[in-house]
Amino acid sequence: MSAIANIAAYDGTSGVQILHTFVPVSVSREGPNKVRSQWRETGLAVPTIAQPRLDMVLEKLKSGIYRLERRLVIPVMESISGQNSAGYTAAPKVAYENTDIYIGFFSERSDVAGRRLIRQLGVNIDGNVGTAVAPATTGPLPELFDLLVSQT
């Protein structure tokens, strides 16, 4: 198993793209067949509740099927519009959260090549990639989905 480490990714916005670095928060075992790894983007000047979060879960269901999940949550803060008559300005709160979830279900009989094929095909469809690209074979998500290995 690979040690939990920082995860860095660019956001893909038009114009100047920003590198987001998610730092490890925890790895927890939730029962005998479930491991959850958590990261947060901590380098921001926002409260902890407003920091982007990344969770990855490796779970073996009673049926023998592996359920793998990657969940990315980006909180959006309210905008502050002035102060009240007493001069008080309330601290901004989280207005809502944008959430992206990637889930895979794989038989215990599935192999690395098959899991890698479907993961990369999904990534290419999501990104409208119409050219041949080499599949990512290292990093937290390829290890989770392709190798069925969770961070430690």
Protein backbone atom coordinates (compact mmCIF):
# COMPACT_ATOMS: atom_id res chain seq x y z
CA MET A 1 0.00 0.00 0.00
CA SER A 2 1.18 3.50 -0.70
CA ALA A 3 1.58 6.04 2.06
CA ILE A 4 -0.94 8.87 2.07
CA ALA A 5 0.63 11.98 0.55
CA ASN A 6 -0.31 15.37 -0.87
CA ILE A 7 -2.38 15.38 -4.05
CA ALA A 8 -1.88 18.26 -6.48
CA ALA A 9 -4.08 19.00 -9.49
CA TYR A 10 -4.82 21.97 -11.72
CA ASP A 11 -8.42 23.17 -11.84
CA GLY A 12 -8.79 23.54 -15.62
CA THR A 13 -10.32 27.01 -15.52
CA SER A 14 -10.04 29.19 -18.61
CA GLY A 15 -7.20 31.64 -18.38
CA VAL A 16 -4.66 31.05 -15.65
CA GLN A 17 -5.13 27.62 -14.13
CA ILE A 18 -4.61 27.25 -10.40
CA LEU A 19 -2.77 24.36 -8.76
CA HIS A 20 -4.78 22.93 -5.85
CA THR A 21 -2.87 20.92 -3.24
CA PHE A 22 -4.83 18.60 -0.99
CA VAL A 23 -2.98 17.55 2.16
CA PRO A 24 -3.65 14.31 4.07
CA VAL A 25 -6.08 14.61 6.96
CA SER A 26 -6.72 11.01 7.99
CA VAL A 27 -6.95 7.36 7.09
CA SER A 28 -9.56 5.39 9.00
CA ARG A 29 -10.77 1.82 9.01
CA GLU A 30 -14.56 1.71 9.21
CA GLY A 31 -15.12 -1.94 9.99
CA PRO A 32 -13.15 -4.93 8.69
CA ASN A 33 -13.84 -4.26 4.99
CA LYS A 34 -13.81 -0.47 4.58
CA VAL A 35 -10.98 2.08 4.50
CA ARG A 36 -11.50 5.84 4.09
CA SER A 37 -8.70 8.29 3.20
CA GLN A 38 -9.33 12.03 3.53
CA TRP A 39 -7.56 15.16 2.25
CA ARG A 40 -8.27 18.91 2.51
CA GLU A 41 -6.94 21.97 0.67
CA THR A 42 -5.61 23.75 3.75
CA GLY A 43 -3.57 26.57 2.21
CA LEU A 44 -6.58 28.85 1.85
CA ALA A 45 -7.63 31.81 3.99
CA VAL A 46 -11.04 30.28 4.73
CA PRO A 47 -12.47 28.38 7.71
CA THR A 48 -11.95 24.61 7.82
CA ILE A 49 -15.60 24.01 6.87
CA ALA A 50 -15.04 25.99 3.64
CA GLN A 51 -11.90 24.13 2.54
CA PRO A 52 -12.24 21.80 -0.48
CA ARG A 53 -12.26 18.12 0.56
CA LEU A 54 -11.30 14.88 -1.13
CA ASP A 55 -12.32 11.44 0.16
CA MET A 56 -11.47 8.02 -1.23
CA VAL A 57 -13.12 4.82 0.02
CA LEU A 58 -12.21 1.17 -0.58
CA GLU A 59 -14.95 -1.21 0.56
CA LYS A 60 -15.50 -4.91 -0.01
CA LEU A 61 -19.23 -5.64 0.12
CA LYS A 62 -20.70 -8.88 1.53
CA SER A 63 -21.34 -10.01 -2.05
CA GLY A 64 -17.58 -9.95 -2.76
CA ILE A 65 -17.93 -6.88 -4.99
CA TYR A 66 -15.50 -4.04 -4.40
CA ARG A 67 -17.09 -0.59 -4.12
CA LEU A 68 -14.59 2.20 -4.77
CA GLU A 69 -15.43 5.88 -4.38
CA ARG A 70 -13.70 9.19 -4.99
CA ARG A 71 -15.64 12.21 -3.69
CA LEU A 72 -14.50 15.79 -4.29
CA VAL A 73 -16.38 18.59 -2.52
CA ILE A 74 -15.82 22.30 -3.20
CA PRO A 75 -17.68 24.58 -0.76
CA VAL A 76 -18.83 27.98 -2.06
CA MET A 77 -18.86 30.87 0.39
CA GLU A 78 -21.53 33.54 0.66
CA SER A 79 -20.55 37.00 -0.45
CA ILE A 80 -20.71 39.66 2.25
CA SER A 81 -22.60 42.80 1.34
CA GLY A 82 -21.84 45.41 3.98
CA GLN A 83 -22.70 45.82 7.61
CA ASN A 84 -25.80 46.38 9.70
CA SER A 85 -26.78 49.67 11.38
CA ALA A 86 -24.58 48.87 14.40
CA GLY A 87 -21.50 48.46 12.17
CA TYR A 88 -21.37 44.67 12.51
CA THR A 89 -20.41 42.56 9.54
CA ALA A 90 -21.19 38.86 9.89
CA ALA A 91 -18.55 36.34 8.93
CA PRO A 92 -19.30 34.60 5.64
CA LYS A 93 -20.76 31.10 5.75
CA VAL A 94 -20.79 28.24 3.29
CA ALA A 95 -23.65 28.92 0.88
CA TYR A 96 -23.57 25.51 -0.83
CA GLU A 97 -21.21 22.74 -1.93
CA ASN A 98 -20.43 21.46 -5.41
CA THR A 99 -19.79 17.70 -5.27
CA ASP A 100 -18.29 15.32 -7.82
CA ILE A 101 -18.48 11.58 -7.09
CA TYR A 102 -16.78 8.80 -9.03
CA ILE A 103 -17.89 5.28 -8.02
CA GLY A 104 -16.79 1.93 -9.36
CA PHE A 105 -18.12 -1.57 -8.65
CA PHE A 106 -15.77 -4.44 -9.46
CA SER A 107 -16.00 -8.19 -9.03
CA GLU A 108 -13.34 -9.82 -6.91
CA ARG A 109 -12.58 -11.79 -10.10
CA SER A 110 -11.83 -8.63 -12.11
CA ASP A 111 -8.25 -7.91 -13.09
CA VAL A 112 -6.03 -4.82 -13.12
CA ALA A 113 -6.18 -4.46 -16.92
CA GLY A 114 -9.99 -4.51 -16.99
CA ARG A 115 -10.35 -2.01 -14.15
CA ARG A 116 -7.73 0.28 -15.71
CA LEU A 117 -9.45 0.06 -19.11
CA ILE A 118 -12.87 1.13 -17.83
CA ARG A 119 -11.42 3.86 -15.59
CA GLN A 120 -9.34 5.38 -18.39
CA LEU A 121 -12.18 5.11 -20.90
CA GLY A 122 -14.44 6.97 -18.46
CA VAL A 123 -11.80 9.66 -17.90
CA ASN A 124 -11.38 10.10 -21.66
CA ILE A 125 -15.14 10.33 -22.22
CA ASP A 126 -15.51 12.84 -19.36
CA GLY A 127 -12.69 14.97 -20.79
CA ASN A 128 -13.77 14.62 -24.43
CA VAL A 129 -10.35 13.14 -25.25
CA GLY A 130 -10.36 12.05 -28.87
CA THR A 131 -6.71 11.08 -29.23
CA ALA A 132 -4.66 8.18 -27.92
CA VAL A 133 -3.30 8.86 -24.44
CA ALA A 134 -1.38 6.66 -22.05
CA PRO A 135 -3.46 5.73 -19.01
CA ALA A 136 -2.35 7.08 -15.65
CA THR A 137 -0.96 4.13 -13.70
CA THR A 138 0.26 5.85 -10.54
CA GLY A 139 -1.38 8.12 -8.00
CA PRO A 140 -4.15 7.66 -5.46
CA LEU A 141 -7.07 7.06 -7.85
CA PRO A 142 -5.30 4.61 -10.22
CA GLU A 143 -4.02 2.69 -7.19
CA LEU A 144 -7.50 2.59 -5.64
CA PHE A 145 -9.38 1.59 -8.81
CA ASP A 146 -6.77 -0.41 -10.72
CA LEU A 147 -4.91 -2.14 -7.89
CA LEU A 148 -7.64 -2.11 -5.17
CA VAL A 149 -5.08 -0.49 -2.85
CA SER A 150 -6.02 2.20 -0.34
CA GLN A 151 -3.76 4.84 1.15
CA THR A 152 -2.26 4.10 4.55
